[in-house]
């Protein structure tokens, strides 16, 4: 997902996950990067669900993004194209 389309909570979770995986790989260079990243992602998402009760990708879409989506839908009905 492109970062401009992410809710801020989701972006922060992604950044935190990445930073934690990088730190673990620095301390344990022999570990496989993908498994470390997967584990960090799992732990981050588990903590978020436990604390906030909602996953980052389930955050509500901001009103601006909803308005843009409606405008794009209208433009397609009228055969107009907006830049993606």
PDB file of N, CA and C in Angstrom:
ATOM      1  N   UNK A   1       0.850  -1.179   0.000  1.00  0.00           N
ATOM      2  CA  UNK A   1       0.000   0.000   0.000  1.00  0.00           C
ATOM      3  C   UNK A   1       0.888   1.232   0.000  1.00  0.00           C
ATOM      4  N   UNK A   2       0.516   2.199  -0.798  1.00  0.00           N
ATOM      5  CA  UNK A   2       1.284   3.442  -0.876  1.00  0.00           C
ATOM      6  C   UNK A   2       1.081   4.235   0.406  1.00  0.00           C
ATOM      7  N   UNK A   3       2.136   4.818   0.942  1.00  0.00           N
ATOM      8  CA  UNK A   3       2.059   5.496   2.232  1.00  0.00           C
ATOM      9  C   UNK A   3       1.050   6.643   2.263  1.00  0.00           C
ATOM     10  N   UNK A   4       0.824   7.342   1.138  1.00  0.00           N
ATOM     11  CA  UNK A   4      -0.136   8.439   1.162  1.00  0.00           C
ATOM     12  C   UNK A   4      -1.555   7.949   1.356  1.00  0.00           C
ATOM     13  N   UNK A   5      -1.817   6.672   1.139  1.00  0.00           N
ATOM     14  CA  UNK A   5      -3.147   6.119   1.331  1.00  0.00           C
ATOM     15  C   UNK A   5      -3.331   5.493   2.702  1.00  0.00           C
ATOM     16  N   UNK A   6      -2.301   5.458   3.496  1.00  0.00           N
ATOM     17  CA  UNK A   6      -2.380   4.826   4.803  1.00  0.00           C
ATOM     18  C   UNK A   6      -2.907   5.798   5.850  1.00  0.00           C
ATOM     19  N   UNK A   7      -3.667   5.273   6.775  1.00  0.00           N
ATOM     20  CA  UNK A   7      -4.035   6.056   7.945  1.00  0.00           C
ATOM     21  C   UNK A   7      -2.763   6.239   8.770  1.00  0.00           C
ATOM     22  N   UNK A   8      -2.699   7.305   9.527  1.00  0.00           N
ATOM     23  CA  UNK A   8      -1.472   7.581  10.286  1.00  0.00           C
ATOM     24  C   UNK A   8      -1.138   6.451  11.254  1.00  0.00           C
ATOM     25  N   UNK A   9      -2.134   5.846  11.858  1.00  0.00           N
ATOM     26  CA  UNK A   9      -1.876   4.752  12.805  1.00  0.00           C
ATOM     27  C   UNK A   9      -1.227   3.571  12.081  1.00  0.00           C
ATOM     28  N   UNK A  10      -1.720   3.279  10.901  1.00  0.00           N
ATOM     29  CA  UNK A  10      -1.167   2.169  10.128  1.00  0.00           C
ATOM     30  C   UNK A  10       0.275   2.469   9.716  1.00  0.00           C
ATOM     31  N   UNK A  11       0.536   3.714   9.311  1.00  0.00           N
ATOM     32  CA  UNK A  11       1.887   4.108   8.916  1.00  0.00           C
ATOM     33  C   UNK A  11       2.834   3.999  10.110  1.00  0.00           C
ATOM     34  N   UNK A  12       2.400   4.458  11.263  1.00  0.00           N
ATOM     35  CA  UNK A  12       3.235   4.401  12.471  1.00  0.00           C
ATOM     36  C   UNK A  12       3.506   2.946  12.859  1.00  0.00           C
ATOM     37  N   UNK A  13       2.501   2.097  12.758  1.00  0.00           N
ATOM     38  CA  UNK A  13       2.687   0.676  13.076  1.00  0.00           C
ATOM     39  C   UNK A  13       3.713   0.049  12.140  1.00  0.00           C
ATOM     40  N   UNK A  14       3.630   0.399  10.865  1.00  0.00           N
ATOM     41  CA  UNK A  14       4.577  -0.118   9.881  1.00  0.00           C
ATOM     42  C   UNK A  14       5.997   0.351  10.187  1.00  0.00           C
ATOM     43  N   UNK A  15       6.133   1.621  10.511  1.00  0.00           N
ATOM     44  CA  UNK A  15       7.443   2.183  10.848  1.00  0.00           C
ATOM     45  C   UNK A  15       8.009   1.530  12.109  1.00  0.00           C
ATOM     46  N   UNK A  16       7.172   1.347  13.120  1.00  0.00           N
ATOM     47  CA  UNK A  16       7.609   0.710  14.360  1.00  0.00           C
ATOM     48  C   UNK A  16       8.048  -0.728  14.102  1.00  0.00           C
ATOM     49  N   UNK A  17       7.252  -1.459  13.338  1.00  0.00           N
ATOM     50  CA  UNK A  17       7.583  -2.846  13.007  1.00  0.00           C
ATOM     51  C   UNK A  17       8.932  -2.934  12.317  1.00  0.00           C
ATOM     52  N   UNK A  18       9.143  -2.066  11.340  1.00  0.00           N
ATOM     53  CA  UNK A  18      10.402  -2.050  10.596  1.00  0.00           C
ATOM     54  C   UNK A  18      11.575  -1.723  11.511  1.00  0.00           C
ATOM     55  N   UNK A  19      11.402  -0.724  12.374  1.00  0.00           N
ATOM     56  CA  UNK A  19      12.504  -0.336  13.270  1.00  0.00           C
ATOM     57  C   UNK A  19      12.862  -1.462  14.230  1.00  0.00           C
ATOM     58  N   UNK A  20      11.851  -2.174  14.741  1.00  0.00           N
ATOM     59  CA  UNK A  20      12.111  -3.266  15.661  1.00  0.00           C
ATOM     60  C   UNK A  20      12.788  -4.444  14.964  1.00  0.00           C
ATOM     61  N   UNK A  21      12.374  -4.728  13.744  1.00  0.00           N
ATOM     62  CA  UNK A  21      13.004  -5.811  12.978  1.00  0.00           C
ATOM     63  C   UNK A  21      14.462  -5.470  12.677  1.00  0.00           C
ATOM     64  N   UNK A  22      14.719  -4.227  12.281  1.00  0.00           N
ATOM     65  CA  UNK A  22      16.103  -3.810  12.005  1.00  0.00           C
ATOM     66  C   UNK A  22      16.973  -3.922  13.250  1.00  0.00           C
ATOM     67  N   UNK A  23      16.429  -3.514  14.377  1.00  0.00           N
ATOM     68  CA  UNK A  23      17.189  -3.578  15.632  1.00  0.00           C
ATOM     69  C   UNK A  23      17.519  -5.028  15.995  1.00  0.00           C
ATOM     70  N   UNK A  24      16.556  -5.923  15.844  1.00  0.00           N
ATOM     71  CA  UNK A  24      16.796  -7.335  16.159  1.00  0.00           C
ATOM     72  C   UNK A  24      17.852  -7.920  15.216  1.00  0.00           C
ATOM     73  N   UNK A  25      17.787  -7.547  13.933  1.00  0.00           N
ATOM     74  CA  UNK A  25      18.780  -8.049  12.977  1.00  0.00           C
ATOM     75  C   UNK A  25      20.177  -7.519  13.273  1.00  0.00           C
ATOM     76  N   UNK A  26      20.256  -6.307  13.808  1.00  0.00           N
ATOM     77  CA  UNK A  26      21.564  -5.757  14.208  1.00  0.00           C
ATOM     78  C   UNK A  26      22.151  -6.542  15.372  1.00  0.00           C
ATOM     79  N   UNK A  27      21.292  -6.921  16.304  1.00  0.00           N
ATOM     80  CA  UNK A  27      21.750  -7.663  17.487  1.00  0.00           C
ATOM     81  C   UNK A  27      21.998  -9.140  17.184  1.00  0.00           C
ATOM     82  N   UNK A  28      21.264  -9.683  16.220  1.00  0.00           N
ATOM     83  CA  UNK A  28      21.364 -11.106  15.860  1.00  0.00           C
ATOM     84  C   UNK A  28      21.519 -11.234  14.345  1.00  0.00           C
ATOM     85  N   UNK A  29      22.709 -10.947  13.822  1.00  0.00           N
ATOM     86  CA  UNK A  29      22.897 -10.892  12.366  1.00  0.00           C
ATOM     87  C   UNK A  29      22.652 -12.213  11.626  1.00  0.00           C
ATOM     88  N   UNK A  30      22.666 -13.326  12.286  1.00  0.00           N
ATOM     89  CA  UNK A  30      22.474 -14.605  11.613  1.00  0.00           C
ATOM     90  C   UNK A  30      21.012 -14.951  11.348  1.00  0.00           C
ATOM     91  N   UNK A  31      20.100 -14.189  11.916  1.00  0.00           N
ATOM     92  CA  UNK A  31      18.667 -14.487  11.754  1.00  0.00           C
ATOM     93  C   UNK A  31      18.204 -14.156  10.340  1.00  0.00           C
ATOM     94  N   UNK A  32      17.180 -14.886   9.876  1.00  0.00           N
ATOM     95  CA  UNK A  32      16.607 -14.628   8.554  1.00  0.00           C
ATOM     96  C   UNK A  32      15.732 -13.374   8.630  1.00  0.00           C
ATOM     97  N   UNK A  33      15.981 -12.420   7.747  1.00  0.00           N
ATOM     98  CA  UNK A  33      15.303 -11.124   7.788  1.00  0.00           C
ATOM     99  C   UNK A  33      13.782 -11.250   7.677  1.00  0.00           C
ATOM    100  N   UNK A  34      13.298 -12.090   6.788  1.00  0.00           N
ATOM    101  CA  UNK A  34      11.848 -12.196   6.592  1.00  0.00           C
ATOM    102  C   UNK A  34      11.154 -12.734   7.829  1.00  0.00           C
ATOM    103  N   UNK A  35      11.735 -13.722   8.486  1.00  0.00           N
ATOM    104  CA  UNK A  35      11.093 -14.270   9.685  1.00  0.00           C
ATOM    105  C   UNK A  35      11.119 -13.252  10.828  1.00  0.00           C
ATOM    106  N   UNK A  36      12.188 -12.468  10.920  1.00  0.00           N
ATOM    107  CA  UNK A  36      12.265 -11.425  11.945  1.00  0.00           C
ATOM    108  C   UNK A  36      11.199 -10.362  11.678  1.00  0.00           C
ATOM    109  N   UNK A  37      11.052  -9.953  10.421  1.00  0.00           N
ATOM    110  CA  UNK A  37      10.049  -8.959  10.049  1.00  0.00           C
ATOM    111  C   UNK A  37       8.636  -9.497  10.327  1.00  0.00           C
ATOM    112  N   UNK A  38       8.392 -10.737   9.970  1.00  0.00           N
ATOM    113  CA  UNK A  38       7.080 -11.345  10.212  1.00  0.00           C
ATOM    114  C   UNK A  38       6.762 -11.394  11.705  1.00  0.00           C
ATOM    115  N   UNK A  39       7.754 -11.767  12.502  1.00  0.00           N
ATOM    116  CA  UNK A  39       7.547 -11.836  13.947  1.00  0.00           C
ATOM    117  C   UNK A  39       7.275 -10.441  14.525  1.00  0.00           C
ATOM    118  N   UNK A  40       8.046  -9.454  14.105  1.00  0.00           N
ATOM    119  CA  UNK A  40       7.843  -8.080  14.585  1.00  0.00           C
ATOM    120  C   UNK A  40       6.458  -7.577  14.183  1.00  0.00           C
ATOM    121  N   UNK A  41       6.031  -7.868  12.958  1.00  0.00           N
ATOM    122  CA  UNK A  41       4.703  -7.455  12.493  1.00  0.00           C
ATOM    123  C   UNK A  41       3.611  -8.109  13.349  1.00  0.00           C
ATOM    124  N   UNK A  42       3.767  -9.398  13.602  1.00  0.00           N
ATOM    125  CA  UNK A  42       2.783 -10.123  14.414  1.00  0.00           C
ATOM    126  C   UNK A  42       2.685  -9.529  15.824  1.00  0.00           C
ATOM    127  N   UNK A  43       3.835  -9.296  16.438  1.00  0.00           N
ATOM    128  CA  UNK A  43       3.852  -8.761  17.800  1.00  0.00           C
ATOM    129  C   UNK A  43       3.266  -7.351  17.852  1.00  0.00           C
ATOM    130  N   UNK A  44       3.568  -6.523  16.854  1.00  0.00           N
ATOM    131  CA  UNK A  44       3.034  -5.162  16.808  1.00  0.00           C
ATOM    132  C   UNK A  44       1.526  -5.190  16.678  1.00  0.00           C
ATOM    133  N   UNK A  45       1.029  -6.001  15.756  1.00  0.00           N
ATOM    134  CA  UNK A  45      -0.417  -6.092  15.534  1.00  0.00           C
ATOM    135  C   UNK A  45      -1.138  -6.659  16.758  1.00  0.00           C
ATOM    136  N   UNK A  46      -0.528  -7.639  17.426  1.00  0.00           N
ATOM    137  CA  UNK A  46      -1.113  -8.213  18.635  1.00  0.00           C
ATOM    138  C   UNK A  46      -1.223  -7.151  19.730  1.00  0.00           C
ATOM    139  N   UNK A  47      -0.165  -6.374  19.906  1.00  0.00           N
ATOM    140  CA  UNK A  47      -0.179  -5.311  20.916  1.00  0.00           C
ATOM    141  C   UNK A  47      -1.234  -4.258  20.589  1.00  0.00           C
ATOM    142  N   UNK A  48      -1.344  -3.880  19.326  1.00  0.00           N
ATOM    143  CA  UNK A  48      -2.332  -2.876  18.934  1.00  0.00           C
ATOM    144  C   UNK A  48      -3.750  -3.375  19.167  1.00  0.00           C
ATOM    145  N   UNK A  49      -3.987  -4.633  18.849  1.00  0.00           N
ATOM    146  CA  UNK A  49      -5.320  -5.193  19.054  1.00  0.00           C
ATOM    147  C   UNK A  49      -5.646  -5.249  20.548  1.00  0.00           C
ATOM    148  N   UNK A  50      -4.656  -5.616  21.349  1.00  0.00           N
ATOM    149  CA  UNK A  50      -4.860  -5.724  22.795  1.00  0.00           C
ATOM    150  C   UNK A  50      -5.090  -4.344  23.421  1.00  0.00           C
ATOM    151  N   UNK A  51      -4.332  -3.348  22.987  1.00  0.00           N
ATOM    152  CA  UNK A  51      -4.415  -2.009  23.584  1.00  0.00           C
ATOM    153  C   UNK A  51      -5.599  -1.211  23.033  1.00  0.00           C
ATOM    154  N   UNK A  52      -5.691  -1.120  21.705  1.00  0.00           N
ATOM    155  CA  UNK A  52      -6.698  -0.255  21.084  1.00  0.00           C
ATOM    156  C   UNK A  52      -7.955  -1.000  20.655  1.00  0.00           C
ATOM    157  N   UNK A  53      -7.842  -2.302  20.499  1.00  0.00           N
ATOM    158  CA  UNK A  53      -8.994  -3.080  20.092  1.00  0.00           C
ATOM    159  C   UNK A  53      -9.304  -3.002  18.607  1.00  0.00           C
ATOM    160  N   UNK A  54      -8.399  -2.432  17.818  1.00  0.00           N
ATOM    161  CA  UNK A  54      -8.609  -2.327  16.374  1.00  0.00           C
ATOM    162  C   UNK A  54      -7.266  -2.452  15.665  1.00  0.00           C
ATOM    163  N   UNK A  55      -7.289  -3.152  14.549  1.00  0.00           N
ATOM    164  CA  UNK A  55      -6.060  -3.341  13.787  1.00  0.00           C
ATOM    165  C   UNK A  55      -5.789  -2.103  12.927  1.00  0.00           C
ATOM    166  N   UNK A  56      -4.525  -1.836  12.607  1.00  0.00           N
ATOM    167  CA  UNK A  56      -4.207  -0.631  11.850  1.00  0.00           C
ATOM    168  C   UNK A  56      -4.907  -0.564  10.500  1.00  0.00           C
ATOM    169  N   UNK A  57      -5.057  -1.690   9.817  1.00  0.00           N
ATOM    170  CA  UNK A  57      -5.695  -1.667   8.508  1.00  0.00           C
ATOM    171  C   UNK A  57      -7.215  -1.599   8.604  1.00  0.00           C
ATOM    172  N   UNK A  58      -7.753  -1.598   9.822  1.00  0.00           N
ATOM    173  CA  UNK A  58      -9.192  -1.457  10.024  1.00  0.00           C
ATOM    174  C   UNK A  58      -9.565  -0.048  10.496  1.00  0.00           C
ATOM    175  N   UNK A  59      -8.580   0.850  10.553  1.00  0.00           N
ATOM    176  CA  UNK A  59      -8.841   2.219  10.965  1.00  0.00           C
ATOM    177  C   UNK A  59      -9.793   2.872   9.979  1.00  0.00           C
ATOM    178  N   UNK A  60     -10.695   3.731  10.464  1.00  0.00           N
ATOM    179  CA  UNK A  60     -11.609   4.399   9.548  1.00  0.00           C
ATOM    180  C   UNK A  60     -10.854   5.293   8.566  1.00  0.00           C
ATOM    181  N   UNK A  61     -11.390   5.368   7.360  1.00  0.00           N
ATOM    182  CA  UNK A  61     -10.787   6.212   6.323  1.00  0.00           C
ATOM    183  C   UNK A  61     -11.168   7.652   6.612  1.00  0.00           C
ATOM    184  N   UNK A  62     -10.214   8.547   6.449  1.00  0.00           N
ATOM    185  CA  UNK A  62     -10.499   9.950   6.722  1.00  0.00           C
ATOM    186  C   UNK A  62     -11.552  10.485   5.755  1.00  0.00           C
ATOM    187  N   UNK A  63     -12.236  11.513   6.174  1.00  0.00           N
ATOM    188  CA  UNK A  63     -13.300  12.104   5.353  1.00  0.00           C
ATOM    189  C   UNK A  63     -12.766  12.600   4.011  1.00  0.00           C
ATOM    190  N   UNK A  64     -11.568  13.180   4.002  1.00  0.00           N
ATOM    191  CA  UNK A  64     -10.977  13.656   2.743  1.00  0.00           C
ATOM    192  C   UNK A  64     -10.801  12.522   1.743  1.00  0.00           C
ATOM    193  N   UNK A  65     -10.338  11.392   2.204  1.00  0.00           N
ATOM    194  CA  UNK A  65     -10.132  10.253   1.313  1.00  0.00           C
ATOM    195  C   UNK A  65     -11.465   9.728   0.792  1.00  0.00           C
ATOM    196  N   UNK A  66     -12.489   9.753   1.649  1.00  0.00           N
ATOM    197  CA  UNK A  66     -13.815   9.331   1.214  1.00  0.00           C
ATOM    198  C   UNK A  66     -14.354  10.273   0.145  1.00  0.00           C
ATOM    199  N   UNK A  67     -14.144  11.578   0.330  1.00  0.00           N
ATOM    200  CA  UNK A  67     -14.598  12.560  -0.656  1.00  0.00           C
ATOM    201  C   UNK A  67     -13.878  12.356  -1.979  1.00  0.00           C
ATOM    202  N   UNK A  68     -12.590  12.109  -1.933  1.00  0.00           N
ATOM    203  CA  UNK A  68     -11.821  11.868  -3.152  1.00  0.00           C
ATOM    204  C   UNK A  68     -12.326  10.618  -3.866  1.00  0.00           C
ATOM    205  N   UNK A  69     -12.625   9.588  -3.117  1.00  0.00           N
ATOM    206  CA  UNK A  69     -13.143   8.359  -3.712  1.00  0.00           C
ATOM    207  C   UNK A  69     -14.489   8.623  -4.392  1.00  0.00           C
ATOM    208  N   UNK A  70     -15.348   9.432  -3.760  1.00  0.00           N
ATOM    209  CA  UNK A  70     -16.641   9.764  -4.376  1.00  0.00           C
ATOM    210  C   UNK A  70     -16.440  10.562  -5.661  1.00  0.00           C
ATOM    211  N   UNK A  71     -15.517  11.524  -5.650  1.00  0.00           N
ATOM    212  CA  UNK A  71     -15.240  12.321  -6.853  1.00  0.00           C
ATOM    213  C   UNK A  71     -14.719  11.446  -7.983  1.00  0.00           C
ATOM    214  N   UNK A  72     -13.835  10.521  -7.667  1.00  0.00           N
ATOM    215  CA  UNK A  72     -13.309   9.618  -8.694  1.00  0.00           C
ATOM    216  C   UNK A  72     -14.423   8.759  -9.279  1.00  0.00           C
ATOM    217  N   UNK A  73     -15.312   8.272  -8.399  1.00  0.00           N
ATOM    218  CA  UNK A  73     -16.422   7.442  -8.872  1.00  0.00           C
ATOM    219  C   UNK A  73     -17.332   8.249  -9.794  1.00  0.00           C
ATOM    220  N   UNK A  74     -17.628   9.493  -9.423  1.00  0.00           N
ATOM    221  CA  UNK A  74     -18.463  10.352 -10.263  1.00  0.00           C
ATOM    222  C   UNK A  74     -17.790  10.623 -11.599  1.00  0.00           C
ATOM    223  N   UNK A  75     -16.478  10.867 -11.567  1.00  0.00           N
ATOM    224  CA  UNK A  75     -15.771  11.192 -12.806  1.00  0.00           C
ATOM    225  C   UNK A  75     -15.772  10.003 -13.765  1.00  0.00           C
ATOM    226  N   UNK A  76     -15.692   8.801 -13.228  1.00  0.00           N
ATOM    227  CA  UNK A  76     -15.706   7.618 -14.087  1.00  0.00           C
ATOM    228  C   UNK A  76     -17.073   7.438 -14.737  1.00  0.00           C
ATOM    229  N   UNK A  77     -18.133   7.771 -14.001  1.00  0.00           N
ATOM    230  CA  UNK A  77     -19.472   7.683 -14.579  1.00  0.00           C
ATOM    231  C   UNK A  77     -19.625   8.669 -15.737  1.00  0.00           C
ATOM    232  N   UNK A  78     -18.955   9.798 -15.651  1.00  0.00           N
ATOM    233  CA  UNK A  78     -19.034  10.826 -16.686  1.00  0.00           C
ATOM    234  C   UNK A  78     -17.913  10.694 -17.710  1.00  0.00           C
ATOM    235  N   UNK A  79     -17.169   9.605 -17.630  1.00  0.00           N
ATOM    236  CA  UNK A  79     -16.068   9.318 -18.556  1.00  0.00           C
ATOM    237  C   UNK A  79     -14.917  10.303 -18.413  1.00  0.00           C
ATOM    238  N   UNK A  80     -14.788  10.926 -17.260  1.00  0.00           N
ATOM    239  CA  UNK A  80     -13.646  11.786 -16.975  1.00  0.00           C
ATOM    240  C   UNK A  80     -12.683  10.984 -16.123  1.00  0.00           C
ATOM    241  N   UNK A  81     -11.411  11.213 -16.283  1.00  0.00           N
ATOM    242  CA  UNK A  81     -10.431  10.486 -15.485  1.00  0.00           C
ATOM    243  C   UNK A  81      -9.620  11.473 -14.642  1.00  0.00           C
ATOM    244  N   UNK A  82      -9.504  11.195 -13.365  1.00  0.00           N
ATOM    245  CA  UNK A  82      -8.638  11.955 -12.491  1.00  0.00           C
ATOM    246  C   UNK A  82      -7.318  11.236 -12.366  1.00  0.00           C
ATOM    247  N   UNK A  83      -6.273  11.985 -12.134  1.00  0.00           N
ATOM    248  CA  UNK A  83      -4.955  11.364 -11.938  1.00  0.00           C
ATOM    249  C   UNK A  83      -5.014  10.453 -10.736  1.00  0.00           C
ATOM    250  N   UNK A  84      -4.392   9.310 -10.851  1.00  0.00           N
ATOM    251  CA  UNK A  84      -4.344   8.349  -9.754  1.00  0.00           C
ATOM    252  C   UNK A  84      -3.312   8.769  -8.763  1.00  0.00           C
TER     253      UNK A  84
END
